[in-house]
Every structure is written in C-alpha cells, then in structure tokens.
Amino acid sequence: MITYETLRKIEQEEKASVKLTKLPPNFLQEAMDYLEKKEAIAHEKDDKWEHETAKQRVNNVMQTRERKIVNFTLSFVRSGAIPENMTPEERELFDRIAKNLQDFQGQRKKVMSGEKFPMKVVAFLQDTAQFVGIDMGYYGPYKSGDVATVPLDNAKVLIEKGVGELVEPG
C-alpha cells in the first residue's frame, strides 16, 4: 500500500539513482488510489496541502523515470542493453521510442548513403503545415489544391489520413 512516506522515499531514491529504482507492484494504480483518497480527505478537511504535495511527488517520480527511459532508449539503440525495473507501462513507452529511433536511424543511413527515395505527386485536399519527409527534406507548407512531389512513404501517409490524393501521371 502506498503512503505519503512511501512516496517521499521513492522520490528520493529515484532522484539519487542513475538507474530506474524498483517500484512496488502496481505502483501507478496504487498511487492513483492513494491520491483519490487524499483528495476526498482534503475536501472534507478543507486542507489540500498533503494531497497537492503527494500529487507533486508522484509527478516528480514519473518525470524522473520518463527522462531516464528516454536516455536508456538511446543507449539501447546503440548497445542493446535493456534497463531493469520498468513497469509494464514504461516498457511499452520504451519499446515505442526504441522503434521510432531505430526507424529514424535507418532513414538517416539511407540519406547519408545517397540512396534515392521513390517520389509521388500528391494533390493536397486541405492546408498542410510544413513537414520533414522520410528523406529528411522539408516539404510545404501547402494550401488546399496545391500539387507537389513528395517521397512515396509520405504520400501514403497523406493519402491514408485524407490530407491528399495521388495524382496519376498522364
């Protein structure tokens, strides 16, 4: 069970450690339950100090862990070392960041090697802000009705989202 003292101890340990500290099982759920109870008590007593302080401690723990996970993900992509003590939710975040980093590095390697990306002509169906293409080039901004040549992978996404339509040659 999470208590104010437990939160304080976890926050201190997380700040002091370079690694992710081991959290109690179901930490997030228990912390949310604890905060709900503190909020109810705060309304009864008209004293929100402990609730707000506990809420800030949970937030500090989560932000510290998020920062560590982002840094560990960079290390993982380079070395393959997976950090310990992640919660299931944190592991999901880690896996998504790692996949995006690996994809980005693959694209960067293609650009650096001079590999050409297949291009397609797209008619924009709505205004579109400037974006970075898979080839790391800048495209846009575009107005509805504009026609432009963009990398095939970007064209697929634009079409899938209903932002553009493929213009057939001829």
N, C-alpha and C. Protein backbone atom coordinates (compact mmCIF):
# COMPACT_ATOMS: atom_id res chain seq x y z
N MET A 1 0.84 -1.18 0.00
CA MET A 1 0.00 0.00 0.00
C MET A 1 0.88 1.25 0.00
N ILE A 2 0.50 2.22 -0.79
CA ILE A 2 1.25 3.47 -0.90
C ILE A 2 0.85 4.41 0.24
N THR A 3 1.85 5.00 0.86
CA THR A 3 1.62 6.02 1.88
C THR A 3 2.43 7.25 1.49
N TYR A 4 2.19 8.34 2.20
CA TYR A 4 2.93 9.57 1.93
C TYR A 4 4.43 9.32 2.14
N GLU A 5 4.75 8.60 3.19
CA GLU A 5 6.15 8.29 3.49
C GLU A 5 6.77 7.42 2.39
N THR A 6 6.01 6.47 1.86
CA THR A 6 6.48 5.63 0.76
C THR A 6 6.77 6.50 -0.46
N LEU A 7 5.88 7.42 -0.78
CA LEU A 7 6.08 8.31 -1.93
C LEU A 7 7.34 9.15 -1.76
N ARG A 8 7.53 9.68 -0.55
CA ARG A 8 8.71 10.50 -0.28
C ARG A 8 9.98 9.68 -0.47
N LYS A 9 9.99 8.45 0.04
CA LYS A 9 11.16 7.57 -0.07
C LYS A 9 11.43 7.21 -1.54
N ILE A 10 10.38 6.87 -2.29
CA ILE A 10 10.54 6.52 -3.71
C ILE A 10 11.08 7.71 -4.48
N GLU A 11 10.54 8.90 -4.22
CA GLU A 11 11.01 10.10 -4.91
C GLU A 11 12.50 10.34 -4.64
N GLN A 12 12.92 10.22 -3.39
CA GLN A 12 14.33 10.43 -3.04
C GLN A 12 15.23 9.40 -3.70
N GLU A 13 14.83 8.14 -3.67
CA GLU A 13 15.63 7.07 -4.27
C GLU A 13 15.74 7.26 -5.78
N GLU A 14 14.65 7.64 -6.42
CA GLU A 14 14.65 7.81 -7.88
C GLU A 14 15.57 8.95 -8.27
N LYS A 15 15.54 10.04 -7.53
CA LYS A 15 16.41 11.18 -7.83
C LYS A 15 17.88 10.85 -7.60
N ALA A 16 18.16 10.02 -6.60
CA ALA A 16 19.54 9.70 -6.22
C ALA A 16 20.18 8.65 -7.13
N SER A 17 19.39 7.87 -7.82
CA SER A 17 19.90 6.76 -8.62
C SER A 17 19.98 7.10 -10.10
N VAL A 18 21.03 6.62 -10.74
CA VAL A 18 21.15 6.78 -12.19
C VAL A 18 20.22 5.79 -12.89
N LYS A 19 20.02 4.64 -12.26
CA LYS A 19 19.16 3.60 -12.82
C LYS A 19 17.72 3.81 -12.37
N LEU A 20 16.81 3.06 -12.98
CA LEU A 20 15.43 3.04 -12.53
C LEU A 20 15.36 2.22 -11.24
N THR A 21 14.74 2.79 -10.22
CA THR A 21 14.60 2.04 -8.98
C THR A 21 13.42 1.08 -9.10
N LYS A 22 13.43 0.06 -8.28
CA LYS A 22 12.34 -0.91 -8.30
C LYS A 22 11.14 -0.30 -7.59
N LEU A 23 10.02 -0.27 -8.29
CA LEU A 23 8.78 0.25 -7.73
C LEU A 23 7.93 -0.89 -7.18
N PRO A 24 7.07 -0.56 -6.22
CA PRO A 24 6.15 -1.60 -5.74
C PRO A 24 5.26 -2.09 -6.90
N PRO A 25 4.80 -3.35 -6.84
CA PRO A 25 3.90 -3.83 -7.89
C PRO A 25 2.67 -2.92 -7.98
N ASN A 26 2.21 -2.70 -9.19
CA ASN A 26 1.03 -1.86 -9.43
C ASN A 26 1.18 -0.44 -8.86
N PHE A 27 2.39 0.09 -8.92
CA PHE A 27 2.67 1.41 -8.35
C PHE A 27 1.72 2.49 -8.87
N LEU A 28 1.56 2.55 -10.18
CA LEU A 28 0.72 3.61 -10.74
C LEU A 28 -0.71 3.54 -10.22
N GLN A 29 -1.28 2.35 -10.23
CA GLN A 29 -2.66 2.20 -9.75
C GLN A 29 -2.76 2.53 -8.27
N GLU A 30 -1.81 2.03 -7.48
CA GLU A 30 -1.83 2.31 -6.05
C GLU A 30 -1.64 3.80 -5.78
N ALA A 31 -0.77 4.45 -6.53
CA ALA A 31 -0.55 5.88 -6.35
C ALA A 31 -1.82 6.66 -6.70
N MET A 32 -2.49 6.27 -7.79
CA MET A 32 -3.74 6.95 -8.15
C MET A 32 -4.81 6.74 -7.09
N ASP A 33 -4.91 5.52 -6.57
CA ASP A 33 -5.88 5.24 -5.50
C ASP A 33 -5.56 6.10 -4.27
N TYR A 34 -4.30 6.18 -3.92
CA TYR A 34 -3.87 6.98 -2.77
C TYR A 34 -4.24 8.45 -2.97
N LEU A 35 -3.97 8.97 -4.16
CA LEU A 35 -4.27 10.38 -4.44
C LEU A 35 -5.77 10.65 -4.39
N GLU A 36 -6.58 9.70 -4.87
CA GLU A 36 -8.04 9.86 -4.79
C GLU A 36 -8.50 9.95 -3.34
N LYS A 37 -7.93 9.08 -2.49
CA LYS A 37 -8.29 9.11 -1.06
C LYS A 37 -7.87 10.44 -0.44
N LYS A 38 -6.67 10.89 -0.75
CA LYS A 38 -6.17 12.16 -0.20
C LYS A 38 -7.02 13.33 -0.68
N GLU A 39 -7.49 13.25 -1.91
CA GLU A 39 -8.33 14.32 -2.44
C GLU A 39 -9.66 14.37 -1.68
N ALA A 40 -10.24 13.21 -1.42
CA ALA A 40 -11.50 13.16 -0.68
C ALA A 40 -11.32 13.71 0.73
N ILE A 41 -10.24 13.34 1.37
CA ILE A 41 -9.95 13.84 2.72
C ILE A 41 -9.71 15.34 2.69
N ALA A 42 -9.01 15.81 1.67
CA ALA A 42 -8.71 17.24 1.54
C ALA A 42 -10.00 18.05 1.43
N HIS A 43 -10.99 17.53 0.71
CA HIS A 43 -12.27 18.23 0.58
C HIS A 43 -13.01 18.27 1.92
N GLU A 44 -12.94 17.16 2.66
CA GLU A 44 -13.61 17.11 3.97
C GLU A 44 -12.99 18.09 4.95
N LYS A 45 -11.66 18.13 4.98
CA LYS A 45 -10.95 18.96 5.96
C LYS A 45 -10.64 20.36 5.44
N ASP A 46 -10.92 20.58 4.17
CA ASP A 46 -10.56 21.85 3.53
C ASP A 46 -9.06 22.13 3.70
N ASP A 47 -8.27 21.07 3.58
CA ASP A 47 -6.82 21.17 3.69
C ASP A 47 -6.22 20.37 2.54
N LYS A 48 -5.79 21.09 1.49
CA LYS A 48 -5.32 20.43 0.27
C LYS A 48 -3.81 20.22 0.24
N TRP A 49 -3.11 20.67 1.29
CA TRP A 49 -1.65 20.65 1.26
C TRP A 49 -1.11 19.24 1.02
N GLU A 50 -1.51 18.27 1.84
CA GLU A 50 -0.95 16.92 1.72
C GLU A 50 -1.30 16.29 0.38
N HIS A 51 -2.53 16.52 -0.10
CA HIS A 51 -2.93 15.97 -1.40
C HIS A 51 -2.06 16.57 -2.51
N GLU A 52 -1.90 17.88 -2.51
CA GLU A 52 -1.11 18.54 -3.55
C GLU A 52 0.36 18.13 -3.48
N THR A 53 0.88 17.99 -2.29
CA THR A 53 2.28 17.58 -2.12
C THR A 53 2.47 16.14 -2.61
N ALA A 54 1.55 15.26 -2.26
CA ALA A 54 1.63 13.86 -2.70
C ALA A 54 1.53 13.78 -4.22
N LYS A 55 0.63 14.57 -4.77
CA LYS A 55 0.45 14.61 -6.23
C LYS A 55 1.76 15.06 -6.90
N GLN A 56 2.40 16.06 -6.35
CA GLN A 56 3.66 16.55 -6.89
C GLN A 56 4.76 15.49 -6.78
N ARG A 57 4.77 14.75 -5.69
CA ARG A 57 5.78 13.68 -5.53
C ARG A 57 5.59 12.59 -6.59
N VAL A 58 4.35 12.18 -6.83
CA VAL A 58 4.09 11.17 -7.87
C VAL A 58 4.54 11.71 -9.22
N ASN A 59 4.21 12.95 -9.49
CA ASN A 59 4.60 13.59 -10.75
C ASN A 59 6.12 13.64 -10.89
N ASN A 60 6.82 14.00 -9.82
CA ASN A 60 8.28 14.05 -9.85
C ASN A 60 8.88 12.68 -10.15
N VAL A 61 8.34 11.65 -9.51
CA VAL A 61 8.83 10.28 -9.74
C VAL A 61 8.65 9.91 -11.22
N MET A 62 7.45 10.18 -11.75
CA MET A 62 7.16 9.79 -13.12
C MET A 62 8.01 10.58 -14.12
N GLN A 63 8.20 11.88 -13.89
CA GLN A 63 9.01 12.67 -14.81
C GLN A 63 10.47 12.23 -14.78
N THR A 64 10.98 11.94 -13.61
CA THR A 64 12.36 11.47 -13.48
C THR A 64 12.52 10.15 -14.23
N ARG A 65 11.57 9.26 -14.06
CA ARG A 65 11.64 7.96 -14.72
C ARG A 65 11.50 8.11 -16.24
N GLU A 66 10.63 9.01 -16.69
CA GLU A 66 10.49 9.23 -18.14
C GLU A 66 11.81 9.71 -18.74
N ARG A 67 12.46 10.65 -18.07
CA ARG A 67 13.74 11.17 -18.56
C ARG A 67 14.78 10.04 -18.64
N LYS A 68 14.82 9.20 -17.61
CA LYS A 68 15.75 8.08 -17.60
C LYS A 68 15.44 7.11 -18.75
N ILE A 69 14.16 6.83 -18.97
CA ILE A 69 13.77 5.90 -20.03
C ILE A 69 14.19 6.42 -21.39
N VAL A 70 14.01 7.72 -21.64
CA VAL A 70 14.44 8.30 -22.92
C VAL A 70 15.95 8.12 -23.08
N ASN A 71 16.70 8.42 -22.04
CA ASN A 71 18.17 8.25 -22.11
C ASN A 71 18.56 6.79 -22.28
N PHE A 72 17.90 5.89 -21.54
CA PHE A 72 18.20 4.46 -21.67
C PHE A 72 17.86 3.95 -23.06
N THR A 73 16.82 4.52 -23.68
CA THR A 73 16.43 4.09 -25.02
C THR A 73 17.53 4.44 -26.01
N LEU A 74 18.12 5.61 -25.89
CA LEU A 74 19.25 5.97 -26.75
C LEU A 74 20.39 4.96 -26.58
N SER A 75 20.69 4.62 -25.34
CA SER A 75 21.74 3.63 -25.07
C SER A 75 21.38 2.27 -25.65
N PHE A 76 20.11 1.88 -25.50
CA PHE A 76 19.67 0.59 -26.01
C PHE A 76 19.85 0.49 -27.52
N VAL A 77 19.48 1.54 -28.24
CA VAL A 77 19.56 1.52 -29.70
C VAL A 77 21.02 1.38 -30.13
N ARG A 78 21.93 1.93 -29.35
CA ARG A 78 23.36 1.85 -29.68
C ARG A 78 24.00 0.56 -29.19
N SER A 79 23.58 0.07 -28.01
CA SER A 79 24.29 -1.06 -27.39
C SER A 79 23.46 -2.32 -27.20
N GLY A 80 22.14 -2.18 -27.19
CA GLY A 80 21.27 -3.34 -26.98
C GLY A 80 20.98 -3.62 -25.51
N ALA A 81 21.46 -2.79 -24.59
CA ALA A 81 21.24 -3.02 -23.15
C ALA A 81 19.85 -2.52 -22.76
N ILE A 82 19.04 -3.42 -22.21
CA ILE A 82 17.69 -3.08 -21.78
C ILE A 82 17.72 -2.76 -20.29
N PRO A 83 17.18 -1.61 -19.88
CA PRO A 83 17.19 -1.26 -18.46
C PRO A 83 16.28 -2.16 -17.64
N GLU A 84 16.60 -2.27 -16.36
CA GLU A 84 15.80 -3.08 -15.44
C GLU A 84 14.79 -2.19 -14.73
N ASN A 85 13.84 -2.83 -14.09
CA ASN A 85 12.87 -2.20 -13.18
C ASN A 85 11.85 -1.30 -13.87
N MET A 86 11.54 -1.55 -15.14
CA MET A 86 10.48 -0.79 -15.80
C MET A 86 9.14 -1.39 -15.45
N THR A 87 8.14 -0.53 -15.30
CA THR A 87 6.78 -1.00 -15.13
C THR A 87 6.29 -1.43 -16.52
N PRO A 88 5.20 -2.18 -16.61
CA PRO A 88 4.68 -2.55 -17.94
C PRO A 88 4.40 -1.33 -18.82
N GLU A 89 3.87 -0.26 -18.22
CA GLU A 89 3.58 0.95 -18.99
C GLU A 89 4.87 1.60 -19.49
N GLU A 90 5.88 1.59 -18.66
CA GLU A 90 7.17 2.16 -19.05
C GLU A 90 7.84 1.31 -20.14
N ARG A 91 7.67 0.00 -20.05
CA ARG A 91 8.25 -0.88 -21.08
C ARG A 91 7.60 -0.60 -22.43
N GLU A 92 6.30 -0.35 -22.43
CA GLU A 92 5.59 -0.03 -23.67
C GLU A 92 6.14 1.28 -24.25
N LEU A 93 6.33 2.28 -23.40
CA LEU A 93 6.91 3.56 -23.83
C LEU A 93 8.31 3.34 -24.39
N PHE A 94 9.12 2.59 -23.68
CA PHE A 94 10.48 2.28 -24.09
C PHE A 94 10.49 1.62 -25.47
N ASP A 95 9.64 0.62 -25.66
CA ASP A 95 9.59 -0.10 -26.94
C ASP A 95 9.18 0.82 -28.09
N ARG A 96 8.20 1.71 -27.84
CA ARG A 96 7.77 2.64 -28.90
C ARG A 96 8.87 3.63 -29.26
N ILE A 97 9.54 4.18 -28.25
CA ILE A 97 10.63 5.13 -28.52
C ILE A 97 11.76 4.42 -29.25
N ALA A 98 12.09 3.21 -28.82
CA ALA A 98 13.18 2.46 -29.45
C ALA A 98 12.87 2.19 -30.92
N LYS A 99 11.64 1.78 -31.21
CA LYS A 99 11.27 1.51 -32.60
C LYS A 99 11.39 2.78 -33.44
N ASN A 100 10.89 3.89 -32.92
CA ASN A 100 10.98 5.16 -33.67
C ASN A 100 12.43 5.58 -33.88
N LEU A 101 13.26 5.42 -32.87
CA LEU A 101 14.68 5.76 -33.01
C LEU A 101 15.36 4.87 -34.05
N GLN A 102 15.06 3.59 -34.00
CA GLN A 102 15.66 2.67 -34.97
C GLN A 102 15.21 3.00 -36.39
N ASP A 103 13.93 3.31 -36.56
CA ASP A 103 13.42 3.71 -37.87
C ASP A 103 14.10 4.99 -38.35
N PHE A 104 14.22 5.96 -37.46
CA PHE A 104 14.85 7.23 -37.79
C PHE A 104 16.31 7.01 -38.19
N GLN A 105 17.02 6.19 -37.45
CA GLN A 105 18.42 5.92 -37.78
C GLN A 105 18.54 5.22 -39.13
N GLY A 106 17.60 4.33 -39.42
CA GLY A 106 17.60 3.66 -40.73
C GLY A 106 17.39 4.66 -41.85
N GLN A 107 16.49 5.59 -41.65
CA GLN A 107 16.25 6.63 -42.66
C GLN A 107 17.49 7.51 -42.82
N ARG A 108 18.09 7.86 -41.70
CA ARG A 108 19.30 8.70 -41.74
C ARG A 108 20.41 7.99 -42.51
N LYS A 109 20.56 6.69 -42.29
CA LYS A 109 21.59 5.94 -43.00
C LYS A 109 21.33 5.94 -44.51
N LYS A 110 20.05 5.83 -44.90
CA LYS A 110 19.71 5.88 -46.32
C LYS A 110 20.09 7.23 -46.91
N VAL A 111 19.76 8.30 -46.19
CA VAL A 111 20.08 9.64 -46.67
C VAL A 111 21.59 9.81 -46.79
N MET A 112 22.31 9.35 -45.77
CA MET A 112 23.77 9.51 -45.75
C MET A 112 24.43 8.68 -46.85
N SER A 113 23.81 7.58 -47.24
CA SER A 113 24.39 6.73 -48.28
C SER A 113 24.06 7.25 -49.68
N GLY A 114 23.20 8.27 -49.74
CA GLY A 114 22.83 8.82 -51.04
C GLY A 114 21.73 8.03 -51.73
N GLU A 115 21.13 7.09 -51.02
CA GLU A 115 20.06 6.28 -51.61
C GLU A 115 18.89 7.18 -52.00
N LYS A 116 18.32 6.93 -53.13
CA LYS A 116 17.19 7.73 -53.63
C LYS A 116 15.88 7.16 -53.10
N PHE A 117 14.97 8.05 -52.81
CA PHE A 117 13.65 7.66 -52.34
C PHE A 117 12.66 7.81 -53.49
N PRO A 118 11.79 6.80 -53.70
CA PRO A 118 10.78 6.95 -54.74
C PRO A 118 9.84 8.11 -54.39
N MET A 119 9.45 8.87 -55.40
CA MET A 119 8.62 10.06 -55.20
C MET A 119 7.27 9.88 -55.89
N LYS A 120 6.25 10.57 -55.38
CA LYS A 120 4.91 10.56 -55.96
C LYS A 120 4.36 11.98 -55.94
N VAL A 121 3.47 12.25 -56.88
CA VAL A 121 2.80 13.55 -56.96
C VAL A 121 1.49 13.45 -56.20
N VAL A 122 1.28 14.42 -55.30
CA VAL A 122 0.10 14.43 -54.44
C VAL A 122 -0.62 15.77 -54.59
N ALA A 123 -1.94 15.71 -54.69
CA ALA A 123 -2.77 16.92 -54.65
C ALA A 123 -3.28 17.04 -53.22
N PHE A 124 -3.06 18.19 -52.61
CA PHE A 124 -3.46 18.40 -51.22
C PHE A 124 -4.92 18.79 -51.14
N LEU A 125 -5.66 18.10 -50.28
CA LEU A 125 -7.09 18.31 -50.12
C LEU A 125 -7.39 19.30 -49.00
N GLN A 126 -6.37 19.63 -48.22
CA GLN A 126 -6.52 20.60 -47.14
C GLN A 126 -5.18 21.26 -46.87
N ASP A 127 -5.22 22.40 -46.20
CA ASP A 127 -3.99 23.08 -45.84
C ASP A 127 -3.15 22.15 -44.97
N THR A 128 -1.86 22.14 -45.24
CA THR A 128 -0.95 21.24 -44.54
C THR A 128 0.29 22.01 -44.13
N ALA A 129 0.66 21.89 -42.87
CA ALA A 129 1.85 22.56 -42.36
C ALA A 129 3.10 21.91 -42.95
N GLN A 130 4.19 22.63 -42.87
CA GLN A 130 5.46 22.09 -43.35
C GLN A 130 5.80 20.83 -42.55
N PHE A 131 6.38 19.83 -43.21
CA PHE A 131 6.78 18.61 -42.53
C PHE A 131 8.13 18.14 -43.07
N VAL A 132 8.76 17.27 -42.31
CA VAL A 132 10.04 16.68 -42.72
C VAL A 132 9.72 15.33 -43.33
N GLY A 133 10.16 15.13 -44.57
CA GLY A 133 9.90 13.88 -45.27
C GLY A 133 10.81 12.77 -44.79
N ILE A 134 10.51 11.56 -45.23
CA ILE A 134 11.31 10.39 -44.88
C ILE A 134 12.75 10.54 -45.37
N ASP A 135 12.93 11.39 -46.37
CA ASP A 135 14.27 11.64 -46.91
C ASP A 135 14.98 12.77 -46.18
N MET A 136 14.36 13.24 -45.09
CA MET A 136 14.87 14.33 -44.25
C MET A 136 14.79 15.69 -44.93
N GLY A 137 14.07 15.76 -46.05
CA GLY A 137 13.86 17.04 -46.73
C GLY A 137 12.61 17.72 -46.17
N TYR A 138 12.55 19.04 -46.33
CA TYR A 138 11.39 19.81 -45.87
C TYR A 138 10.40 19.96 -47.01
N TYR A 139 9.11 19.79 -46.69
CA TYR A 139 8.04 19.89 -47.67
C TYR A 139 6.95 20.80 -47.11
N GLY A 140 6.44 21.69 -47.96
CA GLY A 140 5.35 22.55 -47.55
C GLY A 140 5.86 23.85 -46.96
N PRO A 141 4.94 24.59 -46.41
CA PRO A 141 3.52 24.27 -46.20
C PRO A 141 2.75 24.30 -47.51
N TYR A 142 1.60 23.62 -47.49
CA TYR A 142 0.76 23.53 -48.68
C TYR A 142 -0.63 24.04 -48.37
N LYS A 143 -1.26 24.61 -49.38
CA LYS A 143 -2.66 25.04 -49.30
C LYS A 143 -3.52 23.99 -49.99
N SER A 144 -4.78 23.94 -49.64
CA SER A 144 -5.71 23.05 -50.31
C SER A 144 -5.67 23.34 -51.80
N GLY A 145 -5.52 22.29 -52.61
CA GLY A 145 -5.45 22.45 -54.06
C GLY A 145 -4.03 22.44 -54.60
N ASP A 146 -3.03 22.64 -53.73
CA ASP A 146 -1.63 22.59 -54.19
C ASP A 146 -1.29 21.17 -54.63
N VAL A 147 -0.37 21.07 -55.57
CA VAL A 147 0.13 19.79 -56.05
C VAL A 147 1.64 19.80 -55.85
N ALA A 148 2.17 18.70 -55.29
CA ALA A 148 3.60 18.65 -55.02
C ALA A 148 4.11 17.22 -55.12
N THR A 149 5.40 17.10 -55.34
CA THR A 149 6.06 15.80 -55.36
C THR A 149 6.68 15.57 -54.00
N VAL A 150 6.33 14.45 -53.38
CA VAL A 150 6.83 14.09 -52.05
C VAL A 150 7.29 12.63 -52.07
N PRO A 151 8.10 12.22 -51.09
CA PRO A 151 8.51 10.81 -51.04
C PRO A 151 7.30 9.89 -50.92
N LEU A 152 7.40 8.72 -51.55
CA LEU A 152 6.31 7.75 -51.59
C LEU A 152 5.76 7.44 -50.21
N ASP A 153 6.62 7.17 -49.23
CA ASP A 153 6.14 6.83 -47.89
C ASP A 153 5.33 7.96 -47.29
N ASN A 154 5.75 9.21 -47.51
CA ASN A 154 4.99 10.35 -47.01
C ASN A 154 3.67 10.48 -47.77
N ALA A 155 3.69 10.24 -49.08
CA ALA A 155 2.47 10.31 -49.88
C ALA A 155 1.45 9.30 -49.35
N LYS A 156 1.89 8.10 -49.01
CA LYS A 156 0.98 7.08 -48.47
C LYS A 156 0.30 7.56 -47.20
N VAL A 157 1.06 8.20 -46.32
CA VAL A 157 0.50 8.69 -45.06
C VAL A 157 -0.49 9.82 -45.33
N LEU A 158 -0.13 10.73 -46.21
CA LEU A 158 -1.03 11.85 -46.55
C LEU A 158 -2.35 11.34 -47.12
N ILE A 159 -2.28 10.35 -47.98
CA ILE A 159 -3.48 9.78 -48.60
C ILE A 159 -4.31 9.03 -47.55
N GLU A 160 -3.62 8.24 -46.71
CA GLU A 160 -4.29 7.47 -45.66
C GLU A 160 -5.05 8.38 -44.69
N LYS A 161 -4.49 9.55 -44.41
CA LYS A 161 -5.12 10.48 -43.47
C LYS A 161 -6.13 11.40 -44.14
N GLY A 162 -6.30 11.26 -45.46
CA GLY A 162 -7.27 12.07 -46.17
C GLY A 162 -6.82 13.50 -46.42
N VAL A 163 -5.53 13.72 -46.29
CA VAL A 163 -4.97 15.07 -46.49
C VAL A 163 -4.66 15.32 -47.96
N GLY A 164 -4.38 14.24 -48.67
CA GLY A 164 -4.04 14.39 -50.09
C GLY A 164 -4.53 13.20 -50.87
N GLU A 165 -4.42 13.34 -52.21
CA GLU A 165 -4.76 12.23 -53.09
C GLU A 165 -3.68 12.13 -54.15
N LEU A 166 -3.45 10.90 -54.57
CA LEU A 166 -2.41 10.63 -55.58
C LEU A 166 -2.83 11.20 -56.93
N VAL A 167 -1.88 11.86 -57.58
CA VAL A 167 -2.12 12.38 -58.92
C VAL A 167 -1.45 11.42 -59.90
N GLU A 168 -2.27 10.78 -60.71
CA GLU A 168 -1.74 9.82 -61.69
C GLU A 168 -1.13 10.55 -62.86
N PRO A 169 0.04 10.11 -63.32
CA PRO A 169 0.66 10.77 -64.48
C PRO A 169 -0.16 10.53 -65.74
N GLY A 170 -0.08 11.51 -66.61
CA GLY A 170 -0.70 11.32 -67.90
C GLY A 170 -1.87 12.12 -68.06
